[in-house]
Amino acid sequence: MDVADIRFLFAYDRWATEKVLALALTVPIEEWEESNRIDRRGLGGIMVHALGAHERWRSGWQGLALPARREAGPVPSPAELAELWRVEWAALDAYLDGLTDEDARGKFDDITLWYTFAHLVNHGTQHRSEAAVLLTIMGRSPGDLDLIDFPPVTGS
């Protein structure tokens, strides 16, 4: 896998997450903060977990100290979480700007680095799917989130 492929996967990941976050802004705060819907988490908790994992993996790739687990704190509002995601995406973009194809084929913690990129995108897919189920139950389906529906693939 080369850096262009990695950028594509993370662009898809961002596009799909943005669709979920846009609908989260329409959810009443009590439903957003509710827990114990899926694996002890509710909609807000699921999306906070996805962000926390993203931050921790990126920090690890960069050799930075791992940030505190966001999941341990209060659930930020949907607007606050969307802003935290924007900060994370900017940090990821800055990291990817310096990545080479050779780097991507190197090792991170004895695992081929690009495998960990694919893992993180897949992790996001799992949790966006959980969030999409909850949003759909609330009458706010995000629509199709599949990779094949990502605009660069479909041309739309």
Protein backbone atom coordinates (compact mmCIF):
# COMPACT_ATOMS: atom_id res chain seq x y z
CA MET A 1 0.00 0.00 0.00
CA ASP A 2 1.35 3.41 -0.88
CA VAL A 3 0.75 6.80 0.70
CA ALA A 4 -1.84 7.74 -1.94
CA ASP A 5 -3.88 4.67 -0.96
CA ILE A 6 -3.53 5.53 2.71
CA ARG A 7 -4.69 9.09 2.09
CA PHE A 8 -7.68 7.74 0.17
CA LEU A 9 -8.69 5.45 3.04
CA PHE A 10 -8.41 8.24 5.59
CA ALA A 11 -10.36 10.60 3.30
CA TYR A 12 -13.13 8.00 3.15
CA ASP A 13 -12.97 7.62 6.93
CA ARG A 14 -13.35 11.38 7.36
CA TRP A 15 -16.21 11.66 4.84
CA ALA A 16 -18.20 8.92 6.57
CA THR A 17 -17.50 10.30 10.05
CA GLU A 18 -18.54 13.79 8.95
CA LYS A 19 -21.89 12.39 7.76
CA VAL A 20 -22.52 10.90 11.20
CA LEU A 21 -21.34 14.02 13.03
CA ALA A 22 -23.59 16.26 10.92
CA LEU A 23 -26.63 14.28 12.03
CA ALA A 24 -25.40 14.14 15.62
CA LEU A 25 -25.82 17.91 15.74
CA THR A 26 -29.60 17.35 15.40
CA VAL A 27 -29.88 14.87 18.27
CA PRO A 28 -31.30 16.07 21.60
CA ILE A 29 -28.51 16.25 24.17
CA GLU A 30 -30.16 13.69 26.47
CA GLU A 31 -30.16 11.13 23.64
CA TRP A 32 -26.58 12.05 22.70
CA GLU A 33 -25.36 11.54 26.28
CA GLU A 34 -27.37 8.38 26.95
CA SER A 35 -25.23 5.30 27.65
CA ASN A 36 -25.73 1.53 27.61
CA ARG A 37 -27.15 1.40 24.09
CA ILE A 38 -24.39 -0.61 22.40
CA ASP A 39 -21.60 -2.21 24.43
CA ARG A 40 -22.12 0.15 27.40
CA ARG A 41 -21.98 3.20 25.14
CA GLY A 42 -24.53 5.48 23.58
CA LEU A 43 -24.21 7.62 20.48
CA GLY A 44 -21.94 10.22 22.08
CA GLY A 45 -19.81 7.61 23.82
CA ILE A 46 -19.35 5.66 20.59
CA MET A 47 -18.17 8.72 18.70
CA VAL A 48 -15.90 9.81 21.56
CA HIS A 49 -14.34 6.34 21.62
CA ALA A 50 -13.71 6.47 17.87
CA LEU A 51 -11.98 9.85 18.25
CA GLY A 52 -9.93 8.68 21.22
CA ALA A 53 -8.70 5.63 19.32
CA HIS A 54 -7.78 7.84 16.36
CA GLU A 55 -5.80 10.19 18.58
CA ARG A 56 -4.01 7.36 20.38
CA TRP A 57 -2.98 5.53 17.19
CA ARG A 58 -1.76 8.73 15.50
CA SER A 59 0.18 9.76 18.59
CA GLY A 60 1.78 6.33 18.70
CA TRP A 61 2.78 6.52 15.03
CA GLN A 62 4.37 9.89 15.70
CA GLY A 63 6.21 8.66 18.79
CA LEU A 64 4.28 11.10 20.99
CA ALA A 65 2.99 10.46 24.49
CA LEU A 66 -0.40 8.83 24.28
CA PRO A 67 -3.21 11.21 25.18
CA ALA A 68 -5.54 10.47 28.06
CA ARG A 69 -8.50 8.30 27.17
CA ARG A 70 -11.31 10.64 26.19
CA GLU A 71 -13.74 7.88 27.07
CA ALA A 72 -12.91 8.40 30.76
CA GLY A 73 -14.20 11.96 30.75
CA PRO A 74 -17.59 13.53 30.18
CA VAL A 75 -19.11 13.25 26.72
CA PRO A 76 -18.60 16.54 24.88
CA SER A 77 -21.52 18.05 22.99
CA PRO A 78 -21.87 17.08 19.32
CA ALA A 79 -20.54 20.50 18.28
CA GLU A 80 -17.56 20.20 20.63
CA LEU A 81 -16.85 16.69 19.38
CA ALA A 82 -17.02 17.81 15.75
CA GLU A 83 -14.40 20.47 16.54
CA LEU A 84 -12.19 17.91 18.30
CA TRP A 85 -12.43 15.71 15.21
CA ARG A 86 -11.35 18.67 13.01
CA VAL A 87 -8.29 19.14 15.21
CA GLU A 88 -7.49 15.42 14.95
CA TRP A 89 -7.89 15.41 11.18
CA ALA A 90 -5.52 18.37 10.88
CA ALA A 91 -2.95 16.51 13.00
CA LEU A 92 -3.40 13.37 10.89
CA ASP A 93 -2.98 15.38 7.67
CA ALA A 94 0.23 16.91 9.01
CA TYR A 95 1.53 13.43 9.86
CA LEU A 96 0.57 11.98 6.48
CA ASP A 97 2.24 14.92 4.71
CA GLY A 98 5.61 13.62 5.88
CA LEU A 99 4.91 9.92 5.28
CA THR A 100 6.68 8.08 2.47
CA ASP A 101 5.78 4.81 0.79
CA GLU A 102 8.85 3.29 2.43
CA ASP A 103 7.65 4.48 5.85
CA ALA A 104 4.25 2.89 5.28
CA ARG A 105 5.89 -0.47 4.60
CA GLY A 106 8.01 -0.17 7.75
CA LYS A 107 7.12 -1.47 11.19
CA PHE A 108 5.19 -0.02 14.06
CA ASP A 109 5.28 -2.09 17.22
CA ASP A 110 6.31 -5.16 15.14
CA ILE A 111 3.32 -4.70 12.78
CA THR A 112 3.60 -3.38 9.23
CA LEU A 113 2.66 0.29 9.60
CA TRP A 114 0.08 0.42 6.84
CA TYR A 115 -1.76 -2.51 8.47
CA THR A 116 -2.31 -0.27 11.48
CA PHE A 117 -3.70 2.46 9.21
CA ALA A 118 -6.14 -0.05 7.70
CA HIS A 119 -7.02 -1.23 11.20
CA LEU A 120 -7.89 2.29 12.34
CA VAL A 121 -10.09 2.95 9.31
CA ASN A 122 -11.82 -0.39 9.88
CA HIS A 123 -12.24 0.43 13.58
CA GLY A 124 -13.92 3.66 12.58
CA THR A 125 -16.23 1.75 10.25
CA GLN A 126 -17.34 -0.51 13.08
CA HIS A 127 -18.18 2.35 15.39
CA ARG A 128 -19.77 4.52 12.70
CA SER A 129 -22.00 1.55 11.94
CA GLU A 130 -23.05 1.41 15.57
CA ALA A 131 -23.69 5.15 15.55
CA ALA A 132 -25.63 4.84 12.29
CA VAL A 133 -27.91 2.22 13.85
CA LEU A 134 -28.67 4.51 16.77
CA LEU A 135 -29.23 7.48 14.47
CA THR A 136 -31.53 5.40 12.28
CA ILE A 137 -33.55 4.34 15.31
CA MET A 138 -33.88 8.07 16.10
CA GLY A 139 -35.19 8.70 12.58
CA ARG A 140 -31.89 10.27 11.40
CA SER A 141 -30.27 7.71 9.12
CA PRO A 142 -26.94 8.89 7.71
CA GLY A 143 -27.62 6.97 4.52
CA ASP A 144 -25.04 4.84 2.79
CA LEU A 145 -21.62 4.95 4.41
CA ASP A 146 -19.97 2.23 2.34
CA LEU A 147 -16.60 2.86 0.73
CA ILE A 148 -18.17 2.36 -2.70
CA ASP A 149 -20.46 5.34 -1.97
CA PHE A 150 -17.55 7.67 -1.20
CA PRO A 151 -17.69 10.44 -3.84
CA PRO A 152 -14.20 9.86 -5.34
CA VAL A 153 -15.31 6.28 -6.10
CA THR A 154 -18.74 7.17 -7.46
CA GLY A 155 -17.64 10.35 -9.20
CA SER A 156 -20.38 12.40 -7.53
